[in-house]
Protein backbone atom coordinates (compact mmCIF):
# COMPACT_ATOMS: atom_id res chain seq x y z
CA MET A 1 -25.24 40.07 26.39
CA ALA A 2 -22.19 42.09 25.40
CA ALA A 3 -20.27 38.84 25.05
CA ILE A 4 -22.80 37.63 22.50
CA LEU A 5 -22.40 40.80 20.43
CA ARG A 6 -18.61 40.52 20.50
CA LYS A 7 -18.76 36.85 19.54
CA CYS A 8 -21.37 37.30 16.85
CA GLY A 9 -19.68 40.41 15.53
CA LYS A 10 -16.64 38.31 14.70
CA GLN A 11 -18.56 36.04 12.33
CA ASP A 12 -18.21 35.97 8.62
CA GLY A 13 -21.12 34.97 6.43
CA GLY A 14 -19.82 32.41 3.90
CA GLU A 15 -18.33 29.42 5.73
CA MET A 16 -19.67 30.49 9.14
CA GLY A 17 -16.16 30.16 10.56
CA TRP A 18 -14.55 32.40 13.14
CA ARG A 19 -13.00 35.60 11.80
CA ASN A 20 -9.80 37.06 13.20
CA GLU A 21 -10.10 39.60 16.02
CA THR A 22 -8.55 42.26 13.77
CA SER A 23 -10.71 41.52 10.73
CA PRO A 24 -12.96 44.35 9.56
CA PRO A 25 -16.70 43.91 10.07
CA SER A 26 -18.66 42.45 7.20
CA PRO A 27 -20.28 45.05 4.86
CA LEU A 28 -23.76 43.78 5.69
CA GLY A 29 -23.16 43.88 9.42
CA GLY A 30 -21.63 47.37 9.18
CA ALA A 31 -24.54 48.64 7.11
CA VAL A 32 -27.04 47.35 9.63
CA LEU A 33 -25.16 48.85 12.54
CA GLU A 34 -24.86 52.21 10.76
CA HIS A 35 -28.50 52.14 9.70
CA PHE A 36 -29.94 51.31 13.08
CA GLY A 37 -27.39 53.46 14.86
CA HIS A 38 -28.66 56.47 12.89
CA ARG A 39 -32.34 55.60 13.01
CA LEU A 40 -32.55 54.53 16.64
CA SER A 41 -29.85 56.58 18.36
CA PRO A 42 -31.30 58.02 21.60
CA PRO A 43 -31.34 61.72 22.51
CA ARG A 44 -28.25 63.22 24.07
CA GLY A 45 -27.81 62.29 27.69
CA ALA A 46 -30.11 59.27 27.40
CA LYS A 47 -28.88 55.77 28.28
CA LYS A 48 -27.76 53.72 25.26
CA GLN A 49 -28.35 50.26 26.78
CA PRO A 50 -31.73 49.59 25.05
CA LEU A 51 -30.17 50.27 21.62
CA GLY A 52 -27.27 47.94 22.40
CA GLU A 53 -29.61 45.14 23.38
CA PHE A 54 -31.71 45.73 20.28
CA LEU A 55 -28.66 45.55 18.01
CA ILE A 56 -27.53 42.35 19.71
CA ILE A 57 -30.84 40.73 18.83
CA ILE A 58 -30.71 42.07 15.26
CA MET A 59 -27.17 40.81 14.65
CA ALA A 60 -27.78 37.45 16.32
CA ASN A 61 -30.89 36.83 14.23
CA MET A 62 -29.19 37.99 11.01
CA SER A 63 -26.27 35.62 11.33
CA ALA A 64 -28.14 32.65 12.85
CA VAL A 65 -26.91 29.22 11.76
CA GLN A 66 -29.30 27.59 9.30
CA GLN A 67 -27.59 24.20 9.13
CA PHE A 68 -24.89 22.20 10.87
CA ILE A 69 -22.02 20.13 9.48
CA LEU A 70 -21.41 16.71 11.06
CA VAL A 71 -17.66 16.16 11.18
CA GLY A 72 -17.72 12.47 12.14
CA PHE A 73 -14.50 11.16 13.69
CA PRO A 74 -11.94 14.02 13.58
CA GLY A 75 -8.99 11.59 13.53
CA PHE A 76 -10.40 9.32 10.81
CA GLN A 77 -11.22 11.52 7.84
CA ASP A 78 -9.47 9.37 5.20
CA ARG A 79 -11.52 7.39 2.68
CA GLU A 80 -10.34 3.97 3.89
CA SER A 81 -11.42 4.60 7.50
CA LYS A 82 -14.81 5.87 6.35
CA LEU A 83 -15.28 2.74 4.23
CA VAL A 84 -14.52 0.47 7.21
CA PHE A 85 -16.94 2.40 9.43
CA SER A 86 -19.60 2.33 6.70
CA ILE A 87 -19.43 -1.46 6.32
CA PHE A 88 -19.41 -2.10 10.07
CA PHE A 89 -22.35 0.16 10.90
CA LEU A 90 -24.37 -0.94 7.85
CA VAL A 91 -24.05 -4.63 8.79
CA ALA A 92 -24.76 -3.83 12.46
CA TYR A 93 -27.88 -1.81 11.56
CA LEU A 94 -29.25 -4.54 9.29
CA LEU A 95 -28.72 -7.12 12.04
CA ILE A 96 -30.41 -4.82 14.57
CA CYS A 97 -33.47 -4.51 12.35
CA LEU A 98 -33.54 -8.23 11.51
CA GLY A 99 -33.14 -9.43 15.10
CA ASN A 100 -35.61 -7.05 16.70
CA LEU A 101 -38.21 -7.37 13.93
CA THR A 102 -38.02 -11.15 14.42
CA ILE A 103 -38.87 -10.71 18.10
CA ILE A 104 -41.76 -8.37 17.29
CA ALA A 105 -43.16 -10.69 14.61
CA THR A 106 -42.85 -13.78 16.83
CA PHE A 107 -44.60 -12.02 19.71
CA THR A 108 -47.38 -10.74 17.45
CA LEU A 109 -48.11 -14.10 15.83
CA ASP A 110 -48.05 -16.26 18.97
CA GLU A 111 -50.79 -15.50 21.50
CA ASN A 112 -49.07 -17.72 24.07
CA LEU A 113 -46.39 -15.03 24.38
CA HIS A 114 -48.88 -12.30 25.28
CA LYS A 115 -47.68 -12.22 28.87
CA PRO A 116 -46.08 -9.37 30.87
CA MET A 117 -42.46 -10.49 30.47
CA TYR A 118 -42.77 -10.92 26.70
CA VAL A 119 -44.69 -7.65 26.35
CA LEU A 120 -41.65 -5.99 27.92
CA ILE A 121 -39.24 -7.79 25.60
CA CYS A 122 -41.34 -6.79 22.56
CA ASN A 123 -41.32 -3.14 23.67
CA LEU A 124 -37.56 -3.30 24.18
CA ALA A 125 -37.24 -4.55 20.59
CA ILE A 126 -39.37 -1.63 19.33
CA LEU A 127 -37.24 0.82 21.32
CA ASP A 128 -34.00 -0.70 20.06
CA ILE A 129 -35.04 -0.30 16.41
CA THR A 130 -36.29 3.27 16.82
CA PHE A 131 -33.35 4.34 19.02
CA SER A 132 -30.72 3.15 16.54
CA SER A 133 -32.75 4.46 13.58
CA VAL A 134 -32.54 7.99 14.96
CA THR A 135 -28.77 8.13 14.44
CA VAL A 136 -27.39 5.25 12.34
CA PRO A 137 -28.96 6.16 8.94
CA LYS A 138 -27.55 9.69 9.16
CA LEU A 139 -24.24 8.27 10.37
CA LEU A 140 -24.13 6.03 7.28
CA ALA A 141 -24.91 8.99 5.05
CA VAL A 142 -21.94 10.86 6.53
CA PHE A 143 -19.49 7.99 6.09
CA MET A 144 -20.72 6.50 2.82
CA PHE A 145 -21.71 9.58 0.81
CA ASP A 146 -20.10 12.50 2.70
CA PHE A 147 -23.63 13.86 3.16
CA ASN A 148 -22.75 15.68 6.36
CA MET A 149 -25.12 18.66 6.24
CA ILE A 150 -28.14 18.66 8.56
CA PRO A 151 -30.67 21.52 8.84
CA TYR A 152 -31.00 23.35 12.16
CA ALA A 153 -34.52 22.01 12.84
CA ALA A 154 -33.61 18.44 11.83
CA CYS A 155 -30.57 18.55 14.13
CA PHE A 156 -32.68 19.51 17.13
CA MET A 157 -35.29 16.88 16.23
CA GLN A 158 -32.58 14.22 16.14
CA LEU A 159 -31.21 15.52 19.44
CA PHE A 160 -34.66 15.34 21.05
CA PHE A 161 -35.51 11.82 19.92
CA TYR A 162 -32.04 10.53 20.78
CA LEU A 163 -32.41 11.79 24.36
CA ALA A 164 -36.07 10.77 24.65
CA LEU A 165 -35.68 7.21 23.37
CA GLY A 166 -32.47 6.68 25.35
CA THR A 167 -34.27 7.76 28.52
CA SER A 168 -37.27 5.54 27.72
CA GLU A 169 -34.97 2.55 27.28
CA SER A 170 -33.29 3.26 30.61
CA PHE A 171 -36.70 3.32 32.32
CA LEU A 172 -37.81 0.16 30.48
CA LEU A 173 -34.70 -1.75 31.57
CA MET A 174 -35.51 -0.78 35.16
CA LEU A 175 -39.08 -2.02 34.69
CA MET A 176 -37.81 -5.32 33.27
CA ALA A 177 -35.58 -5.76 36.33
CA TYR A 178 -38.61 -5.12 38.57
CA ASP A 179 -40.62 -7.71 36.62
CA ARG A 180 -37.91 -10.36 37.11
CA PHE A 181 -37.54 -9.39 40.78
CA VAL A 182 -41.26 -9.92 41.46
CA ALA A 183 -41.38 -13.14 39.40
CA ILE A 184 -38.47 -14.78 41.25
CA CYS A 185 -38.62 -13.27 44.73
CA ASN A 186 -42.44 -13.12 45.04
CA PRO A 187 -43.73 -15.79 42.63
CA LEU A 188 -47.09 -16.24 44.38
CA LEU A 189 -47.90 -12.54 44.06
CA TYR A 190 -46.61 -12.19 40.50
CA PRO A 191 -49.90 -13.04 38.67
CA THR A 192 -51.70 -10.42 40.78
CA ILE A 193 -49.08 -7.66 40.64
CA MET A 194 -47.92 -8.00 37.03
CA THR A 195 -50.93 -8.33 34.76
CA ASN A 196 -50.97 -7.28 31.10
CA LYS A 197 -53.09 -4.24 31.98
CA VAL A 198 -50.68 -3.13 34.69
CA ILE A 199 -47.59 -3.72 32.56
CA LEU A 200 -49.02 -1.70 29.65
CA LYS A 201 -49.63 1.24 31.98
CA GLN A 202 -46.08 0.99 33.28
CA ILE A 203 -44.68 0.83 29.74
CA THR A 204 -46.71 3.90 28.82
CA LEU A 205 -45.16 5.75 31.76
CA CYS A 206 -41.70 4.76 30.49
CA TRP A 207 -42.45 6.21 27.05
CA VAL A 208 -44.10 9.37 28.41
CA GLY A 209 -41.29 9.89 30.94
CA GLY A 210 -38.74 9.50 28.18
CA LEU A 211 -40.49 12.05 25.94
CA LEU A 212 -40.83 14.61 28.75
CA THR A 213 -37.29 14.34 30.14
CA PRO A 214 -35.47 16.19 27.29
CA VAL A 215 -37.99 19.05 27.16
CA LEU A 216 -36.19 21.33 29.65
CA PRO A 217 -32.68 20.88 28.15
CA LEU A 218 -34.15 21.43 24.69
CA ILE A 219 -35.97 24.63 25.71
CA LEU A 220 -32.75 25.97 27.25
CA ALA A 221 -30.84 25.03 24.08
CA PHE A 222 -33.38 26.79 21.84
CA ARG A 223 -32.79 30.03 23.74
CA LEU A 224 -29.10 30.05 22.82
CA PRO A 225 -27.86 32.06 19.82
CA PHE A 226 -25.96 30.06 17.21
CA CYS A 227 -24.31 32.83 15.27
CA GLY A 228 -21.17 31.41 13.73
CA PRO A 229 -19.48 28.02 14.16
CA ASN A 230 -21.60 25.23 12.71
CA LYS A 231 -19.31 22.17 12.69
CA VAL A 232 -20.59 19.52 15.11
CA VAL A 233 -17.64 17.33 16.11
CA HIS A 234 -19.71 14.16 16.22
CA CYS A 235 -21.47 11.62 13.96
CA PHE A 236 -24.91 12.95 14.91
CA CYS A 237 -26.42 15.88 16.80
CA ASP A 238 -25.33 15.14 20.33
CA HIS A 239 -26.60 17.61 22.94
CA SER A 240 -23.23 18.57 24.41
CA SER A 241 -21.54 18.82 21.00
CA VAL A 242 -24.22 21.18 19.70
CA LEU A 243 -24.15 23.34 22.84
CA ARG A 244 -20.45 23.97 22.38
CA LEU A 245 -21.24 25.90 19.18
CA ALA A 246 -23.46 28.46 20.94
CA CYS A 247 -22.37 32.12 21.06
CA ALA A 248 -23.28 32.44 24.75
CA ASP A 249 -22.54 31.06 28.18
CA ILE A 250 -23.72 27.43 28.36
CA LEU A 251 -22.86 26.73 32.00
CA ILE A 252 -26.50 26.46 33.13
CA ASN A 253 -27.38 24.30 30.12
CA SER A 254 -24.48 21.96 30.82
CA TYR A 255 -25.27 21.47 34.50
CA VAL A 256 -28.99 20.98 33.88
CA ALA A 257 -28.31 18.41 31.13
CA LEU A 258 -25.70 16.58 33.20
CA THR A 259 -27.95 16.42 36.27
CA ILE A 260 -30.90 15.08 34.28
CA ALA A 261 -28.76 12.62 32.31
CA LEU A 262 -27.05 11.13 35.35
CA SER A 263 -30.39 10.91 37.19
CA VAL A 264 -32.17 8.98 34.43
CA LEU A 265 -29.15 6.71 33.96
CA LEU A 266 -27.73 6.02 37.41
CA ILE A 267 -31.00 5.78 39.40
CA PRO A 268 -32.33 2.97 37.14
CA LEU A 269 -28.90 1.32 37.20
CA ALA A 270 -28.85 1.35 41.01
CA TYR A 271 -32.30 -0.28 41.14
CA ILE A 272 -31.33 -2.83 38.47
CA VAL A 273 -28.21 -3.86 40.40
CA PHE A 274 -30.27 -4.09 43.62
CA SER A 275 -32.93 -6.23 41.90
CA TYR A 276 -30.47 -8.66 40.36
CA THR A 277 -28.57 -8.93 43.65
CA ARG A 278 -31.81 -9.96 45.38
CA ILE A 279 -32.61 -12.34 42.52
CA ILE A 280 -29.22 -14.05 42.77
CA ALA A 281 -29.53 -14.29 46.56
CA SER A 282 -32.96 -15.94 46.23
CA VAL A 283 -31.80 -18.38 43.56
CA VAL A 284 -28.74 -19.42 45.57
CA LYS A 285 -30.96 -20.46 48.49
CA ILE A 286 -33.36 -22.66 46.56
CA ALA A 287 -31.69 -23.84 43.37
CA THR A 288 -29.39 -26.74 42.56
CA SER A 289 -25.83 -26.11 41.46
CA GLU A 290 -26.95 -26.34 37.81
CA GLY A 291 -29.79 -23.90 38.46
CA ARG A 292 -27.47 -21.49 40.24
CA LEU A 293 -25.05 -21.58 37.32
CA LYS A 294 -27.86 -20.84 34.88
CA ALA A 295 -29.11 -17.98 37.07
CA PHE A 296 -25.64 -16.45 37.31
CA SER A 297 -25.19 -16.78 33.55
CA THR A 298 -28.57 -15.16 32.77
CA CYS A 299 -28.22 -12.33 35.30
CA GLY A 300 -24.61 -11.75 34.29
CA THR A 301 -25.42 -11.30 30.60
CA HIS A 302 -28.36 -9.01 31.39
CA LEU A 303 -26.23 -6.85 33.68
CA LEU A 304 -23.40 -6.72 31.13
CA VAL A 305 -25.60 -5.29 28.37
CA ILE A 306 -27.35 -2.93 30.78
CA CYS A 307 -24.00 -1.63 32.04
CA ILE A 308 -22.76 -1.14 28.46
CA PHE A 309 -25.84 0.95 27.72
CA ILE A 310 -26.09 2.99 30.91
CA LEU A 311 -22.48 3.37 32.05
CA THR A 312 -21.25 4.22 28.55
CA ALA A 313 -23.87 6.95 28.22
CA ALA A 314 -22.98 8.33 31.66
CA GLY A 315 -19.28 8.22 30.79
CA VAL A 316 -19.84 10.16 27.58
CA TYR A 317 -21.68 12.94 29.46
CA ILE A 318 -18.99 13.13 32.14
CA SER A 319 -16.15 13.10 29.57
CA TYR A 320 -17.16 16.55 28.30
CA ARG A 321 -16.16 17.91 31.72
CA ILE A 322 -12.73 16.19 31.68
CA PRO A 323 -10.06 18.21 29.82
CA GLY A 324 -7.94 16.29 27.34
CA THR A 325 -10.48 13.55 26.61
CA SER A 326 -10.02 12.21 23.08
CA GLU A 327 -12.83 13.33 20.77
CA ASP A 328 -12.58 10.10 18.76
CA ILE A 329 -12.89 7.89 21.85
CA ARG A 330 -15.85 9.91 23.14
CA ILE A 331 -17.65 9.75 19.79
CA MET A 332 -16.94 6.03 19.37
CA ALA A 333 -18.32 5.34 22.86
CA ALA A 334 -21.51 7.29 22.09
CA VAL A 335 -22.01 5.49 18.77
CA LEU A 336 -21.35 2.02 20.20
CA GLN A 337 -23.78 2.75 23.05
CA ASN A 338 -26.33 3.37 20.31
CA VAL A 339 -25.48 0.19 18.37
CA ILE A 340 -24.14 -2.62 20.60
CA PRO A 341 -27.08 -3.06 23.07
CA PRO A 342 -29.74 -3.14 20.28
CA LEU A 343 -27.53 -5.65 18.48
CA ILE A 344 -27.07 -7.95 21.49
CA ASN A 345 -30.53 -7.68 23.10
CA PRO A 346 -32.25 -10.01 20.58
CA ILE A 347 -29.61 -12.67 21.33
CA ILE A 348 -29.95 -12.35 25.10
CA TYR A 349 -33.74 -12.00 25.32
CA CYS A 350 -34.70 -14.18 22.36
CA LEU A 351 -32.18 -16.94 21.67
CA ARG A 352 -31.53 -17.47 25.39
CA THR A 353 -35.26 -17.49 26.26
CA LYS A 354 -36.65 -20.96 25.60
CA GLU A 355 -40.30 -19.90 25.14
CA ILE A 356 -39.46 -17.30 22.48
CA ARG A 357 -37.01 -19.65 20.76
CA ASP A 358 -39.55 -22.49 20.61
CA SER A 359 -42.30 -20.14 19.46
CA PHE A 360 -40.12 -18.81 16.66
CA VAL A 361 -39.30 -22.33 15.43
CA LYS A 362 -42.99 -23.33 15.50
CA THR A 363 -44.01 -20.15 13.69
CA VAL A 364 -41.49 -20.71 10.92
CA LYS A 365 -42.55 -24.34 10.55
CA ARG A 366 -46.18 -23.35 10.20
CA GLY A 367 -45.29 -20.82 7.54
CA LYS A 368 -47.01 -17.99 9.38
CA LEU A 369 -43.98 -15.74 9.31
CA LEU A 370 -43.57 -16.12 5.55
CA SER A 371 -47.27 -15.76 4.78
CA HIS A 372 -47.49 -12.50 6.71
């Protein structure tokens, strides 16, 4: 607690930057200390610890950060770099929305696609749009208009939904691998095991699990005092970047967040790799050389995108514990993990899936897509 008082006592109001160790206390802070020191000073011989704790709370609450500043890429603050990033992420975001909305519209308009596998693909498209929409619009505002201020509450809301939707997508990718595993390795049991009713329950668990996972790290983060520095070295409110601004020990927060993050990323990845290994082994036994090549191609592309999503996220979390890691590389990895999979998923799961491709062509020919 004393560390918090020392750290908060060194804050200056205006820019919320760190003051020098030898700087005099601010007039407001000194007045408060003098006022409460006179009013609440204990009798002679009494312990002064309660007053100290009370003043810590007073000072921490007085100087609490009301908003954060998103720095973006520390090494690319020039106008030209921001323009390049703005164009790239704007085009990527528009393509994400176009591709995934096409999948959703095609699935909605064609009842023949209302089957477990396509229900999963449609939900992945919904997740991809919402996941990228949590961060990319604010990222564009930072790069295009230098609108880098974000209120305290909005920052924590962005942090929560980023973690929740990322976790839900990790769970959904694991469920999709299970669906393919059952369909290929146990085809006779597939219609019984994977019905629409069952798959909807499993998808609901993915969403609920994703929404519950960040609750503990968020509660622990809310308990921290943010009494001075307010510059988030990131393009959005990333959990680890925000924690580094706290005026208290964040060791417990860091270990809890890292444990949860690696669990929800690496456990699904292990099951996905296991499932696809079994799938490839089954296909090799029964398929022709052409069929084996197609299976390897399909499984390979799926695993590539899954690894980009999961391993990049895990690497970003681990990089905060590795001294000397480039801030720009870490931020770029986090942003690309938020953009590349949603951009590629419609190509892999739509254009490479014959049923969805044929359904889309038929829908366009009938004019249903345009009429709706």
